[in-house]
């Protein structure tokens, strides 16, 4: 009887130890975008989205996100656009699989703020305003943003960049009346040593 009690105690202790190990492992891998400096792993400092056309739009390009001391530097280069302004946002899901882009969900908005322009104090984290195409359909965008991040609750890793057919009016709720989604790219972790 004493031997059986001892064996049962050993099984219980082993189970508790394993449960503790599992908890530690889960806590370390729960948020790959958050960085793990305390565990000897590097924090995410750069991300990239390759933008592909939705439907027959012909929109293509690339958006890079680079962590800086004062925020995240957003740089975009796009082609195949109609001349003029086009809504430019981060949407909540990293899914570009449907031709109309609706699978990307709404604007990334972790704080529940109203839609606004990129310089508004209160806005969706994913509200970047507009990107302007020239007469050849080429567009560039460059600004530092303080609302998005590459780790933590405002992380854009695994979400998507969406380009819209029309300009964002920066005020209409919930998304600026920017029209159809014509370009989409999933945001992934980039190798900071690579030239993008």
N, C-alpha and C. Protein backbone atom coordinates (compact mmCIF):
# COMPACT_ATOMS: atom_id res chain seq x y z
N UNK A 1 0.82 -1.19 0.00
CA UNK A 1 0.00 0.00 0.00
C UNK A 1 0.87 1.26 0.00
N UNK A 2 1.93 1.22 0.86
CA UNK A 2 2.83 2.36 0.92
C UNK A 2 3.54 2.58 -0.41
N UNK A 3 3.91 1.48 -1.10
CA UNK A 3 4.58 1.58 -2.41
C UNK A 3 3.65 2.21 -3.44
N UNK A 4 2.37 1.82 -3.42
CA UNK A 4 1.40 2.36 -4.38
C UNK A 4 1.19 3.86 -4.14
N UNK A 5 1.10 4.29 -2.89
CA UNK A 5 0.94 5.71 -2.55
C UNK A 5 2.15 6.51 -3.03
N UNK A 6 3.35 5.96 -2.82
CA UNK A 6 4.56 6.63 -3.27
C UNK A 6 4.57 6.80 -4.79
N UNK A 7 4.15 5.74 -5.52
CA UNK A 7 4.10 5.80 -6.98
C UNK A 7 3.09 6.83 -7.44
N UNK A 8 1.93 6.89 -6.81
CA UNK A 8 0.90 7.87 -7.17
C UNK A 8 1.40 9.28 -6.94
N UNK A 9 2.11 9.49 -5.82
CA UNK A 9 2.68 10.82 -5.53
C UNK A 9 3.68 11.22 -6.60
N UNK A 10 4.49 10.28 -7.04
CA UNK A 10 5.48 10.55 -8.07
C UNK A 10 4.82 10.94 -9.39
N UNK A 11 3.74 10.25 -9.74
CA UNK A 11 2.99 10.56 -10.97
C UNK A 11 2.42 11.97 -10.88
N UNK A 12 1.85 12.34 -9.74
CA UNK A 12 1.26 13.67 -9.57
C UNK A 12 2.33 14.75 -9.69
N UNK A 13 3.47 14.55 -9.03
CA UNK A 13 4.56 15.53 -9.09
C UNK A 13 5.06 15.68 -10.53
N UNK A 14 5.25 14.55 -11.22
CA UNK A 14 5.71 14.60 -12.62
C UNK A 14 4.71 15.36 -13.49
N UNK A 15 3.41 15.13 -13.25
CA UNK A 15 2.38 15.84 -14.01
C UNK A 15 2.43 17.34 -13.79
N UNK A 16 2.64 17.75 -12.53
CA UNK A 16 2.72 19.18 -12.22
C UNK A 16 3.94 19.82 -12.86
N UNK A 17 5.06 19.11 -12.84
CA UNK A 17 6.28 19.63 -13.47
C UNK A 17 6.07 19.80 -14.96
N UNK A 18 5.49 18.80 -15.62
CA UNK A 18 5.23 18.89 -17.06
C UNK A 18 4.26 20.02 -17.38
N UNK A 19 3.23 20.19 -16.55
CA UNK A 19 2.26 21.28 -16.77
C UNK A 19 2.96 22.62 -16.69
N UNK A 20 3.89 22.75 -15.73
CA UNK A 20 4.64 24.00 -15.61
C UNK A 20 5.51 24.25 -16.82
N UNK A 21 6.15 23.21 -17.34
CA UNK A 21 6.98 23.34 -18.55
C UNK A 21 6.11 23.76 -19.72
N UNK A 22 4.95 23.12 -19.87
CA UNK A 22 4.05 23.49 -20.97
C UNK A 22 3.61 24.94 -20.88
N UNK A 23 3.35 25.42 -19.66
CA UNK A 23 2.93 26.80 -19.50
C UNK A 23 4.03 27.74 -19.95
N UNK A 24 5.27 27.43 -19.58
CA UNK A 24 6.40 28.27 -19.97
C UNK A 24 6.55 28.28 -21.48
N UNK A 25 6.48 27.11 -22.12
CA UNK A 25 6.63 27.03 -23.58
C UNK A 25 5.53 27.81 -24.27
N UNK A 26 4.28 27.65 -23.83
CA UNK A 26 3.16 28.36 -24.45
C UNK A 26 3.35 29.86 -24.31
N UNK A 27 3.77 30.33 -23.13
CA UNK A 27 3.92 31.77 -22.93
C UNK A 27 5.03 32.33 -23.81
N UNK A 28 6.02 31.51 -24.16
CA UNK A 28 7.11 32.00 -24.98
C UNK A 28 6.74 32.07 -26.46
N UNK A 29 5.79 31.27 -26.92
CA UNK A 29 5.47 31.27 -28.34
C UNK A 29 4.11 31.87 -28.65
N UNK A 30 3.41 32.39 -27.64
CA UNK A 30 2.05 32.87 -27.85
C UNK A 30 1.97 34.04 -28.82
N UNK A 31 2.94 34.94 -28.80
CA UNK A 31 2.89 36.11 -29.68
C UNK A 31 4.22 36.27 -30.39
N UNK A 32 4.37 35.66 -31.59
CA UNK A 32 5.67 35.72 -32.28
C UNK A 32 6.04 37.12 -32.71
N UNK A 33 5.06 38.04 -32.78
CA UNK A 33 5.36 39.41 -33.22
C UNK A 33 5.84 40.28 -32.07
N UNK A 34 5.71 39.80 -30.83
CA UNK A 34 6.01 40.66 -29.68
C UNK A 34 7.50 40.79 -29.39
N UNK A 35 8.33 39.90 -29.91
CA UNK A 35 9.75 39.93 -29.61
C UNK A 35 10.01 39.24 -28.27
N UNK A 36 11.17 38.70 -28.10
CA UNK A 36 11.47 37.95 -26.89
C UNK A 36 12.88 38.28 -26.41
N UNK A 37 13.14 39.56 -26.22
CA UNK A 37 14.47 39.97 -25.79
C UNK A 37 14.93 39.27 -24.53
N UNK A 38 14.00 39.07 -23.57
CA UNK A 38 14.35 38.44 -22.30
C UNK A 38 14.71 36.97 -22.46
N UNK A 39 14.30 36.36 -23.56
CA UNK A 39 14.56 34.95 -23.79
C UNK A 39 15.70 34.74 -24.80
N UNK A 40 16.40 35.84 -25.13
CA UNK A 40 17.54 35.71 -26.03
C UNK A 40 17.18 35.75 -27.51
N UNK A 41 15.91 36.05 -27.84
CA UNK A 41 15.52 36.13 -29.24
C UNK A 41 15.38 37.60 -29.63
N UNK A 42 15.56 37.92 -30.90
CA UNK A 42 15.50 39.30 -31.36
C UNK A 42 14.06 39.76 -31.52
N UNK A 43 13.84 41.06 -31.30
CA UNK A 43 12.55 41.66 -31.55
C UNK A 43 12.41 41.91 -33.05
N UNK A 44 11.15 41.96 -33.51
CA UNK A 44 10.89 42.26 -34.93
C UNK A 44 11.18 43.73 -35.17
N UNK A 45 12.01 44.01 -36.17
CA UNK A 45 12.35 45.40 -36.50
C UNK A 45 11.94 45.78 -37.91
N UNK A 46 11.54 44.79 -38.72
CA UNK A 46 11.16 45.11 -40.10
C UNK A 46 10.10 44.12 -40.59
N UNK A 47 9.16 44.65 -41.38
CA UNK A 47 8.10 43.82 -41.96
C UNK A 47 7.88 44.27 -43.40
N UNK A 48 7.29 43.38 -44.19
CA UNK A 48 7.06 43.69 -45.61
C UNK A 48 5.76 43.05 -46.09
N UNK A 49 5.10 43.75 -47.00
CA UNK A 49 3.90 43.21 -47.66
C UNK A 49 4.08 43.35 -49.16
N UNK A 50 3.94 42.25 -49.87
CA UNK A 50 3.95 42.26 -51.34
C UNK A 50 2.51 42.43 -51.79
N UNK A 51 2.21 43.55 -52.42
CA UNK A 51 0.84 43.85 -52.82
C UNK A 51 0.56 43.27 -54.21
N UNK A 52 -0.52 42.51 -54.29
CA UNK A 52 -0.97 41.92 -55.55
C UNK A 52 -2.35 42.46 -55.90
N UNK A 53 -2.71 42.39 -57.20
CA UNK A 53 -4.02 42.92 -57.60
C UNK A 53 -5.18 42.09 -57.06
N UNK A 54 -6.27 42.76 -56.77
CA UNK A 54 -7.54 42.10 -56.47
C UNK A 54 -8.40 42.21 -57.72
N UNK A 55 -8.98 41.12 -58.16
CA UNK A 55 -9.73 41.14 -59.41
C UNK A 55 -8.80 41.42 -60.57
N UNK A 56 -9.23 42.30 -61.46
CA UNK A 56 -8.45 42.64 -62.66
C UNK A 56 -7.80 44.02 -62.55
N UNK A 57 -7.56 44.49 -61.32
CA UNK A 57 -7.08 45.87 -61.13
C UNK A 57 -5.69 46.13 -61.69
N UNK A 58 -4.80 45.15 -61.64
CA UNK A 58 -3.43 45.36 -62.12
C UNK A 58 -2.52 46.04 -61.10
N UNK A 59 -3.02 46.29 -59.90
CA UNK A 59 -2.22 46.97 -58.87
C UNK A 59 -1.17 46.00 -58.31
N UNK A 60 0.07 46.48 -58.25
CA UNK A 60 1.16 45.68 -57.70
C UNK A 60 2.10 46.58 -56.92
N UNK A 61 2.88 45.97 -56.05
CA UNK A 61 3.89 46.76 -55.35
C UNK A 61 4.33 46.15 -54.06
N UNK A 62 4.87 47.01 -53.21
CA UNK A 62 5.49 46.55 -51.98
C UNK A 62 5.37 47.65 -50.94
N UNK A 63 5.12 47.23 -49.70
CA UNK A 63 5.09 48.16 -48.57
C UNK A 63 6.02 47.61 -47.50
N UNK A 64 6.94 48.42 -47.02
CA UNK A 64 7.84 47.99 -45.94
C UNK A 64 7.56 48.81 -44.68
N UNK A 65 7.79 48.18 -43.54
CA UNK A 65 7.58 48.80 -42.24
C UNK A 65 8.87 48.59 -41.44
N UNK A 66 9.48 49.68 -41.00
CA UNK A 66 10.75 49.59 -40.29
C UNK A 66 10.64 50.29 -38.94
N UNK A 67 10.96 49.56 -37.88
CA UNK A 67 10.90 50.12 -36.53
C UNK A 67 11.97 51.18 -36.37
N UNK A 68 11.57 52.33 -35.83
CA UNK A 68 12.49 53.42 -35.53
C UNK A 68 12.23 53.89 -34.11
N UNK A 69 13.10 54.76 -33.61
CA UNK A 69 12.94 55.26 -32.24
C UNK A 69 11.65 56.05 -32.07
N UNK A 70 11.21 56.73 -33.14
CA UNK A 70 10.03 57.60 -33.04
C UNK A 70 8.76 56.98 -33.63
N UNK A 71 8.78 55.69 -33.94
CA UNK A 71 7.60 55.03 -34.49
C UNK A 71 7.99 53.97 -35.52
N UNK A 72 7.09 53.76 -36.48
CA UNK A 72 7.35 52.80 -37.56
C UNK A 72 7.35 53.54 -38.89
N UNK A 73 8.45 53.42 -39.61
CA UNK A 73 8.56 54.04 -40.93
C UNK A 73 7.82 53.19 -41.95
N UNK A 74 6.86 53.80 -42.64
CA UNK A 74 6.09 53.12 -43.69
C UNK A 74 6.59 53.64 -45.04
N UNK A 75 6.99 52.72 -45.92
CA UNK A 75 7.42 53.09 -47.27
C UNK A 75 6.70 52.19 -48.26
N UNK A 76 6.06 52.82 -49.24
CA UNK A 76 5.31 52.04 -50.24
C UNK A 76 5.68 52.48 -51.65
N UNK A 77 5.71 51.49 -52.55
CA UNK A 77 5.90 51.73 -53.98
C UNK A 77 4.88 50.87 -54.71
N UNK A 78 3.97 51.51 -55.46
CA UNK A 78 2.91 50.79 -56.15
C UNK A 78 2.85 51.18 -57.62
N UNK A 79 2.37 50.26 -58.44
CA UNK A 79 2.15 50.53 -59.86
C UNK A 79 0.75 50.02 -60.23
N UNK A 80 0.30 50.41 -61.43
CA UNK A 80 -0.97 49.90 -61.96
C UNK A 80 -2.21 50.59 -61.42
N UNK A 81 -2.03 51.74 -60.80
CA UNK A 81 -3.17 52.49 -60.25
C UNK A 81 -3.73 53.47 -61.27
N UNK A 82 -4.98 53.84 -61.11
CA UNK A 82 -5.53 54.98 -61.85
C UNK A 82 -4.93 56.26 -61.26
N UNK A 83 -4.64 57.27 -62.06
CA UNK A 83 -4.09 58.52 -61.51
C UNK A 83 -5.01 59.10 -60.42
N UNK A 84 -4.40 59.66 -59.40
CA UNK A 84 -5.16 60.26 -58.31
C UNK A 84 -4.94 59.55 -56.99
N UNK A 85 -5.77 59.88 -56.01
CA UNK A 85 -5.61 59.35 -54.65
C UNK A 85 -6.40 58.07 -54.43
N UNK A 86 -5.82 57.21 -53.60
CA UNK A 86 -6.43 55.92 -53.28
C UNK A 86 -6.28 55.65 -51.78
N UNK A 87 -7.38 55.23 -51.15
CA UNK A 87 -7.31 54.87 -49.74
C UNK A 87 -6.27 53.80 -49.49
N UNK A 88 -5.56 53.94 -48.38
CA UNK A 88 -4.41 53.09 -48.07
C UNK A 88 -4.48 52.75 -46.59
N UNK A 89 -4.71 51.48 -46.27
CA UNK A 89 -4.95 51.09 -44.88
C UNK A 89 -4.32 49.74 -44.55
N UNK A 90 -4.19 49.48 -43.24
CA UNK A 90 -3.94 48.14 -42.74
C UNK A 90 -5.28 47.59 -42.28
N UNK A 91 -5.63 46.40 -42.75
CA UNK A 91 -6.88 45.74 -42.35
C UNK A 91 -6.59 44.62 -41.37
N UNK A 92 -7.64 44.20 -40.66
CA UNK A 92 -7.45 43.35 -39.48
C UNK A 92 -6.96 41.93 -39.75
N UNK A 93 -7.27 41.35 -40.91
CA UNK A 93 -6.88 39.96 -41.17
C UNK A 93 -5.87 39.87 -42.31
N UNK A 94 -4.94 38.94 -42.18
CA UNK A 94 -3.94 38.71 -43.22
C UNK A 94 -4.44 37.72 -44.25
N UNK A 95 -5.53 38.06 -44.92
CA UNK A 95 -6.17 37.16 -45.88
C UNK A 95 -6.50 37.93 -47.15
N UNK A 96 -5.84 37.58 -48.24
CA UNK A 96 -6.07 38.23 -49.54
C UNK A 96 -6.64 37.23 -50.54
N UNK A 97 -7.29 36.19 -50.07
CA UNK A 97 -7.67 35.08 -50.93
C UNK A 97 -8.92 35.32 -51.78
N UNK A 98 -9.75 36.29 -51.41
CA UNK A 98 -10.97 36.54 -52.19
C UNK A 98 -10.75 37.71 -53.15
N UNK A 99 -11.35 37.63 -54.33
CA UNK A 99 -11.12 38.62 -55.38
C UNK A 99 -11.55 40.03 -54.98
N UNK A 100 -12.53 40.14 -54.08
CA UNK A 100 -12.98 41.48 -53.68
C UNK A 100 -12.29 41.97 -52.40
N UNK A 101 -11.43 41.15 -51.81
CA UNK A 101 -10.66 41.56 -50.64
C UNK A 101 -11.43 41.66 -49.34
N UNK A 102 -12.69 41.28 -49.32
CA UNK A 102 -13.48 41.42 -48.09
C UNK A 102 -12.98 40.49 -46.98
N UNK A 103 -12.25 39.44 -47.35
CA UNK A 103 -11.73 38.51 -46.35
C UNK A 103 -10.68 39.16 -45.46
N UNK A 104 -10.19 40.35 -45.82
CA UNK A 104 -9.22 41.06 -44.99
C UNK A 104 -9.88 41.77 -43.81
N UNK A 105 -11.22 41.77 -43.77
CA UNK A 105 -11.93 42.40 -42.67
C UNK A 105 -11.89 43.92 -42.75
N UNK A 106 -12.22 44.55 -41.64
CA UNK A 106 -12.23 46.02 -41.56
C UNK A 106 -10.86 46.57 -41.24
N UNK A 107 -10.81 47.89 -41.09
CA UNK A 107 -9.54 48.53 -40.73
C UNK A 107 -9.05 48.00 -39.39
N UNK A 108 -7.74 47.84 -39.26
CA UNK A 108 -7.14 47.42 -38.01
C UNK A 108 -7.37 48.52 -36.97
N UNK A 109 -8.10 48.18 -35.91
CA UNK A 109 -8.56 49.18 -34.96
C UNK A 109 -8.56 48.60 -33.54
N UNK A 110 -7.39 48.34 -32.97
CA UNK A 110 -7.33 47.67 -31.66
C UNK A 110 -7.89 48.49 -30.51
N UNK A 111 -8.01 49.80 -30.66
CA UNK A 111 -8.49 50.64 -29.56
C UNK A 111 -9.97 51.02 -29.68
N UNK A 112 -10.63 50.61 -30.77
CA UNK A 112 -12.04 50.96 -30.95
C UNK A 112 -12.27 52.43 -31.27
N UNK A 113 -11.29 53.08 -31.88
CA UNK A 113 -11.38 54.51 -32.21
C UNK A 113 -12.21 54.72 -33.47
N UNK A 114 -12.70 55.95 -33.71
CA UNK A 114 -13.39 56.25 -34.97
C UNK A 114 -12.38 56.36 -36.12
N UNK A 115 -12.88 56.21 -37.35
CA UNK A 115 -12.02 56.39 -38.52
C UNK A 115 -11.54 57.83 -38.60
N UNK A 116 -10.33 58.00 -39.10
CA UNK A 116 -9.78 59.34 -39.25
C UNK A 116 -8.62 59.36 -40.22
N UNK A 117 -7.95 60.50 -40.27
CA UNK A 117 -6.78 60.65 -41.13
C UNK A 117 -5.51 60.27 -40.41
N UNK A 118 -4.42 60.12 -41.14
CA UNK A 118 -3.17 59.65 -40.54
C UNK A 118 -2.60 60.59 -39.48
N UNK A 119 -2.96 61.88 -39.52
CA UNK A 119 -2.43 62.83 -38.55
C UNK A 119 -3.38 63.11 -37.40
N UNK A 120 -4.54 62.46 -37.39
CA UNK A 120 -5.50 62.65 -36.31
C UNK A 120 -5.02 61.94 -35.04
N UNK A 121 -5.24 62.57 -33.89
CA UNK A 121 -4.85 61.96 -32.62
C UNK A 121 -5.66 60.70 -32.35
N UNK A 122 -6.93 60.72 -32.75
CA UNK A 122 -7.80 59.57 -32.55
C UNK A 122 -8.19 59.01 -33.91
N UNK A 123 -7.82 57.77 -34.17
CA UNK A 123 -8.05 57.14 -35.47
C UNK A 123 -7.80 55.65 -35.33
N UNK A 124 -8.23 54.91 -36.36
CA UNK A 124 -7.85 53.49 -36.41
C UNK A 124 -6.33 53.42 -36.54
N UNK A 125 -5.71 52.43 -35.93
CA UNK A 125 -4.26 52.27 -36.10
C UNK A 125 -3.92 52.08 -37.58
N UNK A 126 -4.82 51.43 -38.33
CA UNK A 126 -4.56 51.15 -39.74
C UNK A 126 -4.90 52.27 -40.71
N UNK A 127 -5.28 53.43 -40.22
CA UNK A 127 -5.65 54.55 -41.11
C UNK A 127 -4.41 55.30 -41.58
N UNK A 128 -3.99 55.04 -42.80
CA UNK A 128 -2.82 55.71 -43.37
C UNK A 128 -3.20 56.83 -44.33
N UNK A 129 -4.51 57.07 -44.53
CA UNK A 129 -4.94 58.13 -45.44
C UNK A 129 -4.94 57.68 -46.88
N UNK A 130 -4.25 58.42 -47.75
CA UNK A 130 -4.24 58.13 -49.18
C UNK A 130 -2.83 58.01 -49.73
N UNK A 131 -2.73 57.24 -50.80
CA UNK A 131 -1.51 57.19 -51.58
C UNK A 131 -1.85 57.75 -52.95
N UNK A 132 -1.03 58.66 -53.48
CA UNK A 132 -1.36 59.37 -54.72
C UNK A 132 -0.56 58.85 -55.90
N UNK A 133 -1.29 58.43 -56.94
CA UNK A 133 -0.65 57.92 -58.16
C UNK A 133 -0.50 59.03 -59.19
N UNK A 134 0.62 58.99 -59.91
CA UNK A 134 0.84 59.97 -60.98
C UNK A 134 0.12 59.54 -62.25
N UNK A 135 0.34 60.25 -63.34
CA UNK A 135 -0.35 59.97 -64.61
C UNK A 135 0.01 58.60 -65.19
N UNK A 136 1.13 58.06 -64.74
CA UNK A 136 1.54 56.73 -65.21
C UNK A 136 1.02 55.61 -64.30
N UNK A 137 0.32 55.98 -63.24
CA UNK A 137 -0.23 54.98 -62.32
C UNK A 137 0.74 54.52 -61.24
N UNK A 138 1.86 55.24 -61.09
CA UNK A 138 2.85 54.89 -60.07
C UNK A 138 2.65 55.76 -58.83
N UNK A 139 2.86 55.16 -57.66
CA UNK A 139 2.66 55.90 -56.42
C UNK A 139 3.72 55.52 -55.39
N UNK A 140 4.10 56.50 -54.58
CA UNK A 140 4.99 56.25 -53.45
C UNK A 140 4.39 56.89 -52.20
N UNK A 141 4.81 56.37 -51.06
CA UNK A 141 4.30 56.85 -49.78
C UNK A 141 5.42 56.68 -48.77
N UNK A 142 5.62 57.70 -47.93
CA UNK A 142 6.65 57.59 -46.89
C UNK A 142 6.26 58.47 -45.71
N UNK A 143 6.12 57.83 -44.55
CA UNK A 143 5.85 58.58 -43.32
C UNK A 143 6.15 57.70 -42.11
N UNK A 144 6.39 58.33 -40.98
CA UNK A 144 6.58 57.62 -39.72
C UNK A 144 5.26 57.65 -38.96
N UNK A 145 4.82 56.49 -38.50
CA UNK A 145 3.54 56.37 -37.82
C UNK A 145 3.76 55.94 -36.37
N UNK A 146 3.01 56.55 -35.45
CA UNK A 146 3.15 56.25 -34.03
C UNK A 146 2.01 55.36 -33.51
N UNK A 147 1.03 55.01 -34.34
CA UNK A 147 -0.11 54.21 -33.90
C UNK A 147 0.12 52.71 -34.09
N UNK A 148 0.87 52.36 -35.11
CA UNK A 148 1.12 50.93 -35.37
C UNK A 148 2.41 50.49 -34.68
N UNK A 149 2.61 49.18 -34.61
CA UNK A 149 3.83 48.62 -34.01
C UNK A 149 4.14 47.29 -34.69
N UNK A 150 5.32 46.77 -34.44
CA UNK A 150 5.72 45.46 -34.96
C UNK A 150 5.72 44.40 -33.87
N UNK A 151 5.12 44.72 -32.74
CA UNK A 151 4.94 43.80 -31.62
C UNK A 151 3.91 44.36 -30.68
N UNK A 152 3.35 43.51 -29.84
CA UNK A 152 2.38 43.96 -28.85
C UNK A 152 0.97 44.12 -29.42
N UNK A 153 0.07 44.78 -28.68
CA UNK A 153 -1.34 44.85 -29.09
C UNK A 153 -1.60 45.61 -30.39
N UNK A 154 -0.72 46.52 -30.77
CA UNK A 154 -0.88 47.28 -32.02
C UNK A 154 -0.05 46.71 -33.16
N UNK A 155 0.38 45.47 -33.02
CA UNK A 155 1.22 44.85 -34.05
C UNK A 155 0.44 44.61 -35.33
N UNK A 156 1.07 44.96 -36.44
CA UNK A 156 0.46 44.74 -37.76
C UNK A 156 0.94 43.44 -38.40
N UNK A 157 1.84 42.71 -37.74
CA UNK A 157 2.34 41.46 -38.30
C UNK A 157 1.19 40.48 -38.49
N UNK A 158 1.10 39.90 -39.69
CA UNK A 158 0.04 38.93 -39.98
C UNK A 158 -1.25 39.57 -40.42
N UNK A 159 -1.30 40.87 -40.53
CA UNK A 159 -2.50 41.57 -41.02
C UNK A 159 -2.28 41.88 -42.50
N UNK A 160 -3.10 42.73 -43.09
CA UNK A 160 -2.93 43.00 -44.52
C UNK A 160 -2.97 44.49 -44.85
N UNK A 161 -2.27 44.84 -45.91
CA UNK A 161 -2.34 46.18 -46.50
C UNK A 161 -3.40 46.11 -47.59
N UNK A 162 -4.30 47.10 -47.61
CA UNK A 162 -5.32 47.19 -48.66
C UNK A 162 -5.22 48.53 -49.37
N UNK A 163 -5.29 48.49 -50.69
CA UNK A 163 -5.36 49.69 -51.52
C UNK A 163 -6.78 49.76 -52.08
N UNK A 164 -7.38 50.95 -52.01
CA UNK A 164 -8.77 51.13 -52.46
C UNK A 164 -8.84 51.87 -53.80
N UNK A 165 -9.97 51.73 -54.46
CA UNK A 165 -10.17 52.35 -55.77
C UNK A 165 -10.33 53.86 -55.68
N UNK A 166 -10.91 54.33 -54.58
CA UNK A 166 -11.24 55.76 -54.44
C UNK A 166 -10.46 56.39 -53.30
N UNK A 167 -10.48 57.73 -53.22
CA UNK A 167 -9.81 58.40 -52.10
C UNK A 167 -10.54 58.15 -50.79
N UNK A 168 -9.79 58.13 -49.72
CA UNK A 168 -10.34 58.11 -48.37
C UNK A 168 -10.66 59.56 -48.01
N UNK A 169 -11.92 59.83 -47.62
CA UNK A 169 -12.28 61.21 -47.26
C UNK A 169 -11.86 61.57 -45.83
N UNK A 170 -11.28 60.62 -45.13
CA UNK A 170 -10.68 60.81 -43.80
C UNK A 170 -11.70 61.11 -42.69
N UNK A 171 -13.00 60.99 -42.98
CA UNK A 171 -13.98 61.30 -41.94
C UNK A 171 -15.19 60.37 -41.93
N UNK A 172 -15.64 59.87 -43.10
CA UNK A 172 -16.83 59.02 -43.14
C UNK A 172 -16.59 57.75 -42.34
N UNK A 173 -17.60 57.35 -41.57
CA UNK A 173 -17.50 56.14 -40.76
C UNK A 173 -18.17 54.97 -41.48
N UNK A 174 -17.62 53.77 -41.43
CA UNK A 174 -16.46 53.40 -40.59
C UNK A 174 -15.14 53.37 -41.33
N UNK A 175 -15.12 53.71 -42.64
CA UNK A 175 -13.87 53.46 -43.39
C UNK A 175 -13.51 54.51 -44.43
N UNK A 176 -14.08 55.71 -44.35
CA UNK A 176 -13.64 56.79 -45.23
C UNK A 176 -14.20 56.77 -46.64
N UNK A 177 -15.19 55.89 -46.90
CA UNK A 177 -15.86 55.87 -48.21
C UNK A 177 -14.85 55.71 -49.35
N UNK A 178 -13.89 54.81 -49.17
CA UNK A 178 -12.78 54.69 -50.13
C UNK A 178 -13.05 53.71 -51.27
N UNK A 179 -14.23 53.12 -51.31
CA UNK A 179 -14.59 52.28 -52.46
C UNK A 179 -14.01 50.88 -52.42
N UNK A 180 -14.01 50.27 -53.60
CA UNK A 180 -13.61 48.85 -53.74
C UNK A 180 -12.15 48.64 -53.33
N UNK A 181 -11.86 47.42 -52.96
CA UNK A 181 -10.49 47.03 -52.61
C UNK A 181 -9.82 46.49 -53.88
N UNK A 182 -8.72 47.12 -54.27
CA UNK A 182 -8.11 46.77 -55.56
C UNK A 182 -6.71 46.17 -55.43
N UNK A 183 -6.12 46.23 -54.25
CA UNK A 183 -4.81 45.63 -54.02
C UNK A 183 -4.71 45.13 -52.60
N UNK A 184 -3.99 44.02 -52.40
CA UNK A 184 -3.89 43.43 -51.07
C UNK A 184 -2.53 42.76 -50.89
N UNK A 185 -1.97 42.87 -49.70
CA UNK A 185 -0.72 42.19 -49.38
C UNK A 185 -0.68 41.84 -47.91
N UNK A 186 -0.30 40.61 -47.59
CA UNK A 186 -0.18 40.17 -46.20
C UNK A 186 1.16 40.66 -45.64
N UNK A 187 1.12 41.18 -44.42
CA UNK A 187 2.32 41.74 -43.78
C UNK A 187 3.05 40.63 -43.03
N UNK A 188 4.29 40.39 -43.42
CA UNK A 188 5.10 39.35 -42.79
C UNK A 188 6.38 39.91 -42.21
N UNK A 189 6.98 39.15 -41.31
CA UNK A 189 8.26 39.54 -40.72
C UNK A 189 9.34 39.49 -41.80
N UNK A 190 10.13 40.55 -41.87
CA UNK A 190 11.20 40.63 -42.86
C UNK A 190 12.56 40.49 -42.21
N UNK A 191 13.52 40.00 -42.96
CA UNK A 191 14.90 39.92 -42.51
C UNK A 191 15.47 41.34 -42.55
N UNK A 192 15.84 41.93 -41.41
CA UNK A 192 16.32 43.33 -41.41
C UNK A 192 17.61 43.51 -42.18
N UNK A 193 18.33 42.44 -42.46
CA UNK A 193 19.59 42.55 -43.21
C UNK A 193 19.36 42.64 -44.72
N UNK A 194 18.14 42.30 -45.16
CA UNK A 194 17.84 42.31 -46.59
C UNK A 194 17.46 43.72 -47.06
N UNK A 195 17.86 44.05 -48.26
CA UNK A 195 17.44 45.31 -48.87
C UNK A 195 16.08 45.09 -49.52
N UNK A 196 15.08 45.79 -49.11
CA UNK A 196 13.76 45.67 -49.70
C UNK A 196 13.51 46.88 -50.58
